[in-house]
N, C-alpha and C. Protein backbone atom coordinates (compact mmCIF):
# COMPACT_ATOMS: atom_id res chain seq x y z
N MET A 1 16.32 -174.58 -49.37
CA MET A 1 16.88 -175.10 -50.61
C MET A 1 15.97 -173.92 -52.04
N TYR A 2 14.79 -173.92 -52.04
CA TYR A 2 14.03 -172.49 -52.89
C TYR A 2 13.97 -171.23 -52.13
N TYR A 3 14.88 -171.51 -51.39
CA TYR A 3 15.30 -170.28 -51.48
C TYR A 3 16.76 -169.31 -51.90
N LEU A 4 17.83 -170.30 -51.73
CA LEU A 4 18.73 -170.74 -52.96
C LEU A 4 18.72 -170.35 -54.08
N PHE A 5 17.46 -170.77 -54.52
CA PHE A 5 17.10 -170.77 -56.16
C PHE A 5 16.90 -169.60 -56.33
N ILE A 6 16.13 -168.88 -55.91
CA ILE A 6 15.26 -166.99 -54.98
C ILE A 6 16.38 -167.06 -55.61
N PHE A 7 17.78 -166.70 -54.57
CA PHE A 7 18.28 -165.93 -54.53
C PHE A 7 19.57 -165.55 -55.35
N GLU A 8 19.81 -167.11 -56.30
CA GLU A 8 20.93 -167.32 -57.10
C GLU A 8 19.82 -166.62 -58.50
N ILE A 9 18.79 -166.50 -58.64
CA ILE A 9 18.05 -166.43 -59.69
C ILE A 9 18.20 -164.28 -59.91
N LEU A 10 17.89 -163.83 -58.95
CA LEU A 10 18.46 -162.61 -58.35
C LEU A 10 19.30 -162.07 -58.91
N PHE A 11 20.52 -162.37 -58.01
CA PHE A 11 22.20 -162.23 -58.46
C PHE A 11 22.12 -161.94 -59.82
N LEU A 12 21.20 -162.68 -60.33
CA LEU A 12 21.89 -163.77 -62.04
C LEU A 12 21.26 -162.35 -62.63
N THR A 13 19.70 -161.61 -62.33
CA THR A 13 19.01 -160.89 -62.66
C THR A 13 19.75 -159.91 -62.67
N LEU A 14 20.43 -159.30 -61.26
CA LEU A 14 20.94 -157.92 -60.95
C LEU A 14 22.40 -157.72 -61.26
N SER A 15 22.95 -158.52 -61.69
CA SER A 15 24.19 -158.61 -62.13
C SER A 15 24.14 -158.27 -63.55
N ILE A 16 23.43 -158.68 -64.04
CA ILE A 16 23.05 -157.94 -65.42
C ILE A 16 22.68 -156.92 -65.62
N ILE A 17 21.74 -156.52 -64.86
CA ILE A 17 20.48 -155.13 -65.19
C ILE A 17 21.61 -154.29 -64.95
N ILE A 18 22.44 -153.87 -63.32
CA ILE A 18 22.90 -152.68 -63.26
C ILE A 18 23.68 -153.00 -64.64
N PRO A 19 24.69 -153.43 -64.88
CA PRO A 19 26.13 -152.79 -65.97
C PRO A 19 25.01 -152.32 -66.49
N LEU A 20 23.83 -153.06 -67.15
CA LEU A 20 23.65 -152.79 -68.34
C LEU A 20 22.96 -150.99 -68.04
N LEU A 21 22.21 -150.96 -67.26
CA LEU A 21 21.56 -149.10 -66.62
C LEU A 21 23.04 -148.49 -66.11
N ILE A 22 24.46 -148.72 -65.93
CA ILE A 22 25.43 -147.66 -66.12
C ILE A 22 25.86 -147.81 -66.89
N ALA A 23 25.69 -148.86 -67.33
CA ALA A 23 26.39 -148.64 -69.06
C ALA A 23 25.26 -147.50 -70.01
N VAL A 24 23.93 -147.38 -69.90
CA VAL A 24 22.85 -146.50 -70.61
C VAL A 24 23.44 -145.18 -70.20
N ALA A 25 23.42 -145.11 -69.46
CA ALA A 25 24.02 -144.05 -68.54
C ALA A 25 25.32 -143.07 -69.35
N PHE A 26 26.52 -144.16 -69.20
CA PHE A 26 27.73 -143.65 -69.88
C PHE A 26 27.28 -143.30 -70.92
N PHE A 27 26.45 -143.29 -71.44
CA PHE A 27 26.36 -143.83 -73.46
C PHE A 27 25.05 -142.17 -73.33
N THR A 28 24.54 -142.05 -72.62
CA THR A 28 23.95 -140.64 -73.08
C THR A 28 24.73 -139.65 -73.05
N LEU A 29 25.50 -139.96 -71.20
CA LEU A 29 26.80 -138.82 -71.58
C LEU A 29 27.46 -138.57 -72.34
N SER A 30 28.07 -139.69 -73.14
CA SER A 30 28.52 -139.96 -74.12
C SER A 30 27.76 -138.87 -75.38
N GLU A 31 26.64 -139.14 -75.55
CA GLU A 31 25.12 -138.69 -76.55
C GLU A 31 25.97 -137.00 -76.30
N ARG A 32 25.20 -136.36 -75.59
CA ARG A 32 24.93 -134.90 -75.45
C ARG A 32 26.39 -134.39 -74.63
N LYS A 33 27.88 -135.02 -74.87
CA LYS A 33 28.16 -134.54 -75.62
C LYS A 33 29.39 -134.35 -76.78
N LEU A 34 28.82 -135.03 -77.17
CA LEU A 34 29.04 -135.17 -78.62
C LEU A 34 27.59 -133.88 -79.36
N MET A 35 26.65 -134.40 -79.05
CA MET A 35 25.61 -133.41 -79.12
C MET A 35 26.02 -131.60 -79.51
N ALA A 36 26.54 -131.88 -78.55
CA ALA A 36 27.40 -129.86 -77.45
C ALA A 36 28.79 -129.72 -78.55
N SER A 37 29.59 -130.97 -78.65
CA SER A 37 30.08 -130.64 -80.22
C SER A 37 30.11 -130.20 -80.90
N ILE A 38 29.03 -130.70 -81.29
CA ILE A 38 28.16 -130.48 -82.90
C ILE A 38 27.79 -128.67 -83.51
N GLN A 39 27.39 -128.82 -82.17
CA GLN A 39 26.49 -127.34 -81.86
C GLN A 39 27.51 -126.14 -80.92
N ARG A 40 29.45 -126.37 -80.99
CA ARG A 40 29.93 -126.18 -81.04
C ARG A 40 29.78 -125.03 -78.87
N ARG A 41 29.32 -125.91 -78.46
CA ARG A 41 29.80 -125.40 -76.54
C ARG A 41 29.54 -126.60 -76.23
N VAL A 42 29.56 -126.45 -74.95
CA VAL A 42 30.64 -127.52 -73.91
C VAL A 42 29.81 -128.44 -73.35
N GLY A 43 29.35 -128.81 -73.16
CA GLY A 43 28.10 -129.80 -72.87
C GLY A 43 28.27 -130.04 -70.97
N PRO A 44 27.95 -131.02 -70.82
CA PRO A 44 27.49 -131.24 -68.84
C PRO A 44 28.64 -131.21 -68.66
N ASN A 45 29.60 -130.18 -68.13
CA ASN A 45 30.73 -130.35 -67.20
C ASN A 45 30.74 -130.12 -66.22
N VAL A 46 29.58 -129.64 -65.49
CA VAL A 46 29.96 -129.09 -64.25
C VAL A 46 30.08 -130.40 -63.02
N VAL A 47 29.75 -131.18 -63.50
CA VAL A 47 29.78 -132.40 -62.01
C VAL A 47 30.36 -133.39 -62.32
N GLY A 48 32.00 -133.39 -61.17
CA GLY A 48 32.91 -133.79 -61.20
C GLY A 48 33.94 -133.59 -62.61
N ILE A 49 34.90 -134.30 -62.64
CA ILE A 49 35.59 -134.30 -63.55
C ILE A 49 35.20 -134.32 -65.16
N TYR A 50 35.59 -133.37 -65.58
CA TYR A 50 35.02 -133.60 -67.60
C TYR A 50 33.42 -133.81 -67.26
N GLY A 51 32.47 -133.94 -66.20
CA GLY A 51 31.29 -134.26 -66.27
C GLY A 51 30.96 -135.58 -66.09
N LEU A 52 31.99 -135.98 -65.56
CA LEU A 52 31.52 -137.82 -65.09
C LEU A 52 30.83 -138.37 -65.10
N LEU A 53 30.32 -137.54 -63.30
CA LEU A 53 29.56 -137.83 -62.66
C LEU A 53 28.31 -137.09 -62.61
N GLN A 54 28.62 -136.38 -64.18
CA GLN A 54 26.62 -135.87 -64.83
C GLN A 54 25.56 -137.49 -64.69
N PRO A 55 25.69 -138.82 -64.50
CA PRO A 55 25.07 -139.72 -64.55
C PRO A 55 24.50 -139.43 -63.61
N LEU A 56 25.34 -140.31 -62.52
CA LEU A 56 25.10 -140.23 -60.88
C LEU A 56 23.87 -138.48 -60.33
N ALA A 57 25.00 -138.14 -60.50
CA ALA A 57 23.24 -136.94 -59.96
C ALA A 57 21.75 -136.58 -61.07
N ASP A 58 22.01 -137.40 -62.97
CA ASP A 58 20.83 -136.83 -62.91
C ASP A 58 19.81 -138.38 -62.76
N GLY A 59 20.48 -138.96 -62.04
CA GLY A 59 19.75 -140.59 -61.55
C GLY A 59 19.89 -139.78 -60.38
N LEU A 60 20.47 -139.59 -59.19
CA LEU A 60 19.60 -138.45 -58.29
C LEU A 60 18.56 -138.26 -58.64
N LYS A 61 18.83 -137.04 -59.19
CA LYS A 61 18.11 -136.49 -59.07
C LYS A 61 16.03 -136.54 -59.84
N LEU A 62 16.42 -137.89 -60.99
CA LEU A 62 15.31 -138.04 -60.77
C LEU A 62 14.37 -139.13 -60.15
N ILE A 63 14.93 -139.64 -58.67
CA ILE A 63 14.49 -140.70 -57.86
C ILE A 63 13.95 -139.07 -56.74
N ILE A 64 14.77 -138.26 -56.36
CA ILE A 64 14.42 -137.34 -55.55
C ILE A 64 13.07 -136.47 -56.23
N LYS A 65 13.14 -136.84 -57.28
CA LYS A 65 11.97 -135.31 -57.68
C LYS A 65 10.63 -136.52 -57.67
N GLU A 66 9.45 -135.02 -57.37
CA GLU A 66 8.49 -135.32 -56.76
C GLU A 66 7.44 -136.20 -57.38
N THR A 67 6.94 -137.40 -57.15
CA THR A 67 5.54 -137.55 -58.50
C THR A 67 4.18 -137.26 -57.73
N ILE A 68 3.70 -136.44 -58.75
CA ILE A 68 2.39 -135.97 -58.68
C ILE A 68 1.89 -136.98 -59.40
N VAL A 69 0.66 -136.83 -58.88
CA VAL A 69 -0.30 -138.51 -58.78
C VAL A 69 -1.93 -137.29 -58.67
N PRO A 70 -2.43 -138.03 -60.00
CA PRO A 70 -3.95 -136.85 -60.31
C PRO A 70 -4.62 -137.27 -59.27
N SER A 71 -5.86 -136.00 -59.05
CA SER A 71 -6.82 -136.97 -57.86
C SER A 71 -7.44 -137.65 -58.20
N ARG A 72 -7.29 -137.80 -59.29
CA ARG A 72 -9.03 -138.79 -59.47
C ARG A 72 -8.55 -140.14 -60.47
N ALA A 73 -7.09 -140.34 -60.37
CA ALA A 73 -6.34 -141.59 -60.90
C ALA A 73 -6.69 -142.41 -59.34
N GLU A 74 -6.91 -143.64 -60.49
CA GLU A 74 -6.62 -144.76 -59.19
C GLU A 74 -5.22 -145.11 -58.80
N LYS A 75 -5.12 -144.53 -57.91
CA LYS A 75 -3.24 -144.24 -56.62
C LYS A 75 -2.42 -145.87 -56.58
N ILE A 76 -2.95 -146.39 -56.39
CA ILE A 76 -2.16 -147.69 -57.03
C ILE A 76 -1.47 -148.47 -57.90
N LEU A 77 -3.03 -148.41 -58.77
CA LEU A 77 -2.72 -148.44 -60.52
C LEU A 77 -1.26 -147.63 -60.82
N PHE A 78 -2.24 -146.74 -60.95
CA PHE A 78 -1.14 -145.21 -61.46
C PHE A 78 0.11 -145.59 -60.79
N LEU A 79 0.45 -145.42 -59.49
CA LEU A 79 1.86 -146.07 -59.04
C LEU A 79 2.25 -147.25 -59.49
N ALA A 80 1.62 -148.26 -59.94
CA ALA A 80 2.49 -149.40 -59.92
C ALA A 80 2.50 -149.62 -61.70
N ALA A 81 1.87 -149.38 -62.98
CA ALA A 81 1.39 -149.45 -63.89
C ALA A 81 3.11 -149.52 -64.51
N PRO A 82 4.99 -148.48 -64.54
CA PRO A 82 5.84 -148.38 -65.09
C PRO A 82 6.18 -149.60 -64.20
N GLY A 83 6.47 -150.05 -63.45
CA GLY A 83 6.81 -151.02 -62.52
C GLY A 83 6.35 -152.38 -63.44
N TYR A 84 5.24 -152.50 -63.00
CA TYR A 84 4.60 -152.95 -64.40
C TYR A 84 5.11 -153.71 -65.74
N THR A 85 5.08 -152.52 -66.32
CA THR A 85 5.70 -152.78 -68.17
C THR A 85 6.66 -153.20 -68.08
N PHE A 86 7.56 -152.75 -66.95
CA PHE A 86 8.75 -152.86 -67.01
C PHE A 86 8.81 -154.77 -66.40
N PHE A 87 8.50 -155.52 -65.61
CA PHE A 87 8.50 -156.61 -65.95
C PHE A 87 8.26 -156.62 -66.71
N LEU A 88 7.18 -156.43 -67.14
CA LEU A 88 6.81 -157.54 -68.99
C LEU A 88 7.35 -157.13 -69.88
N SER A 89 8.70 -156.65 -69.35
CA SER A 89 9.18 -156.39 -70.70
C SER A 89 10.17 -156.95 -70.65
N LEU A 90 10.51 -157.63 -69.21
CA LEU A 90 11.85 -158.34 -69.19
C LEU A 90 11.32 -160.05 -69.20
N ILE A 91 9.97 -160.53 -69.87
CA ILE A 91 9.35 -161.40 -70.25
C ILE A 91 10.14 -162.19 -71.00
N PRO A 92 11.07 -162.96 -71.83
CA PRO A 92 10.85 -163.24 -73.16
C PRO A 92 10.31 -163.63 -73.86
């Protein structure tokens, strides 16, 4: 019973967060296209038709990007801090 409750909460959380992240990615694309048109340039149009796959390419680049950890840093704390901050921002 308890596992079903956890699965339900996880599903509801992901069903809110994933569409929100996709929407933010496409709002960013529309902002970049608007700024490009104001500056009289083409803007992001290389990936896909009219640049519609640009948010996917940006996300893939972000995932593949190498993480640089300073040599004197506390490695576990350094790597866990962004996730911890994100978790704290979700608490109402």
